Amino acid sequence: MRKFFLSVLALSTIILAGCTSITNLTPSKLPRNSTGYYQVEAAWNSRQRTIRDESMKPLVLVGNEVYEMRRVPRVENRWETMIPVPPSVSAVRYQFKFDYYVNAIPRALPDSKTSPEFKLEIIERK
């Protein structure tokens, strides 16, 4: 019985360890605009089959602020949102975070993946 349990545990670990990546699709520099809001976009790719797609909650983290992302219409696995950058600021650092649930026994478990930090520079128009 113990060998069976260890085999199931090892197999579930292999299945859960799917390759997952977050790709930043936002340019590193954008021209300053009059609204003060700038679009950031990310692509989510995962071969992990245990993720519950309906539970996906992507976020952008800017300092202590959190901005929810929405799916890009008609494009699979792409997410976007607008973040504010005050006129007095010339650059902002941000990260993407994807919260989701994975199928597990006896119930789904929360999990997440966070990207490295990115820098968006706002350049003045001449």
Protein backbone atom coordinates (compact mmCIF):
# COMPACT_ATOMS: atom_id res chain seq x y z
CA MET A 1 0.00 0.00 0.00
CA ARG A 2 2.83 2.38 0.83
CA LYS A 3 4.51 1.79 -2.56
CA PHE A 4 1.21 2.50 -4.31
CA PHE A 5 0.81 5.78 -2.40
CA LEU A 6 4.38 6.86 -3.22
CA SER A 7 3.87 5.99 -6.89
CA VAL A 8 0.69 8.08 -7.06
CA LEU A 9 2.45 10.96 -5.29
CA ALA A 10 5.40 10.84 -7.71
CA LEU A 11 3.11 10.72 -10.73
CA SER A 12 1.02 13.66 -9.53
CA THR A 13 4.20 15.68 -8.93
CA ILE A 14 5.32 15.04 -12.51
CA ILE A 15 1.90 16.02 -13.88
CA LEU A 16 1.74 19.20 -11.79
CA ALA A 17 5.24 20.27 -12.83
CA GLY A 18 4.14 21.36 -16.32
CA CYS A 19 6.07 24.05 -18.12
CA THR A 20 4.48 27.47 -17.54
CA SER A 21 5.65 30.86 -18.79
CA ILE A 22 4.52 34.48 -18.68
CA THR A 23 5.68 36.61 -21.61
CA ASN A 24 5.64 40.39 -21.42
CA LEU A 25 4.22 41.82 -24.66
CA THR A 26 4.51 45.46 -23.58
CA PRO A 27 7.16 47.66 -25.23
CA SER A 28 9.85 48.81 -22.80
CA LYS A 29 9.32 52.45 -23.88
CA LEU A 30 6.10 54.28 -24.69
CA PRO A 31 5.52 57.95 -25.57
CA ARG A 32 3.81 60.02 -22.89
CA ASN A 33 0.12 60.54 -23.58
CA SER A 34 -2.47 62.97 -22.24
CA THR A 35 -4.52 60.35 -20.38
CA GLY A 36 -1.69 59.09 -18.16
CA TYR A 37 -2.79 55.48 -18.70
CA TYR A 38 -0.66 52.92 -20.52
CA GLN A 39 -1.56 49.46 -21.76
CA VAL A 40 0.42 46.48 -20.50
CA GLU A 41 -0.09 43.05 -22.01
CA ALA A 42 1.09 39.52 -21.26
CA ALA A 43 0.85 36.07 -22.79
CA TRP A 44 0.26 33.04 -20.57
CA ASN A 45 1.51 29.65 -21.77
CA SER A 46 1.27 26.43 -19.81
CA ARG A 47 1.33 22.72 -20.53
CA GLN A 48 0.01 22.05 -17.04
CA ARG A 49 -3.28 20.25 -17.64
CA THR A 50 -4.52 20.50 -14.06
CA ILE A 51 -5.14 24.27 -14.21
CA ARG A 52 -8.79 25.28 -14.08
CA ASP A 53 -9.06 27.85 -16.87
CA GLU A 54 -12.19 29.43 -15.41
CA SER A 55 -10.29 30.21 -12.19
CA MET A 56 -7.56 32.28 -13.91
CA LYS A 57 -7.17 35.71 -12.32
CA PRO A 58 -4.29 37.69 -13.88
CA LEU A 59 -3.02 40.82 -12.17
CA VAL A 60 -0.44 43.56 -12.69
CA LEU A 61 1.50 44.58 -9.59
CA VAL A 62 2.87 48.15 -9.53
CA GLY A 63 4.41 48.88 -6.15
CA ASN A 64 1.58 48.35 -3.66
CA GLU A 65 -1.11 48.75 -6.32
CA VAL A 66 -2.88 45.83 -8.01
CA TYR A 67 -4.66 46.05 -11.37
CA GLU A 68 -6.88 43.26 -12.71
CA MET A 69 -6.28 42.17 -16.28
CA ARG A 70 -8.87 41.09 -18.85
CA ARG A 71 -8.65 38.64 -21.74
CA VAL A 72 -7.81 40.05 -25.15
CA PRO A 73 -10.86 39.29 -27.32
CA ARG A 74 -10.44 36.59 -29.99
CA VAL A 75 -6.84 35.86 -28.93
CA GLU A 76 -5.99 32.83 -26.83
CA ASN A 77 -3.95 33.21 -23.63
CA ARG A 78 -3.41 36.98 -23.89
CA TRP A 79 -4.31 39.44 -21.15
CA GLU A 80 -4.22 43.25 -20.90
CA THR A 81 -4.98 46.20 -18.67
CA MET A 82 -4.25 49.90 -18.35
CA ILE A 83 -1.97 51.21 -15.61
CA PRO A 84 -1.67 54.84 -14.52
CA VAL A 85 1.65 56.66 -14.70
CA PRO A 86 1.62 60.18 -13.21
CA PRO A 87 3.12 63.02 -15.30
CA SER A 88 5.91 63.44 -12.74
CA VAL A 89 7.11 59.84 -13.22
CA SER A 90 9.32 58.79 -16.13
CA ALA A 91 9.44 55.04 -15.45
CA VAL A 92 7.46 52.41 -13.61
CA ARG A 93 8.35 48.88 -12.56
CA TYR A 94 5.70 46.17 -12.68
CA GLN A 95 5.12 42.41 -12.53
CA PHE A 96 2.46 40.07 -13.78
CA LYS A 97 0.87 37.61 -11.39
CA PHE A 98 -1.50 34.85 -12.40
CA ASP A 99 -3.61 33.32 -9.63
CA TYR A 100 -5.51 30.12 -10.40
CA TYR A 101 -6.71 26.79 -9.04
CA VAL A 102 -5.35 23.38 -9.94
CA ASN A 103 -7.29 20.13 -9.84
CA ALA A 104 -6.28 18.00 -6.89
CA ILE A 105 -7.77 15.34 -4.67
CA PRO A 106 -9.99 15.82 -2.67
CA ARG A 107 -10.48 19.43 -3.89
CA ALA A 108 -8.90 22.10 -6.09
CA LEU A 109 -5.92 23.95 -4.61
CA PRO A 110 -4.85 27.58 -5.16
CA ASP A 111 -1.61 28.26 -7.01
CA SER A 112 0.05 31.20 -8.73
CA LYS A 113 2.90 32.23 -10.99
CA THR A 114 4.65 35.62 -10.90
CA SER A 115 6.79 37.07 -13.67
CA PRO A 116 10.11 38.79 -13.19
CA GLU A 117 9.98 42.55 -12.76
CA PHE A 118 9.73 44.71 -15.89
CA LYS A 119 10.39 48.41 -16.44
CA LEU A 120 8.23 50.69 -18.58
CA GLU A 121 9.88 53.99 -19.53
CA ILE A 122 7.68 56.92 -20.51
CA ILE A 123 9.45 59.12 -23.03
CA GLU A 124 8.56 62.75 -23.67
CA ARG A 125 7.45 63.70 -27.16
CA LYS A 126 9.62 66.29 -28.89
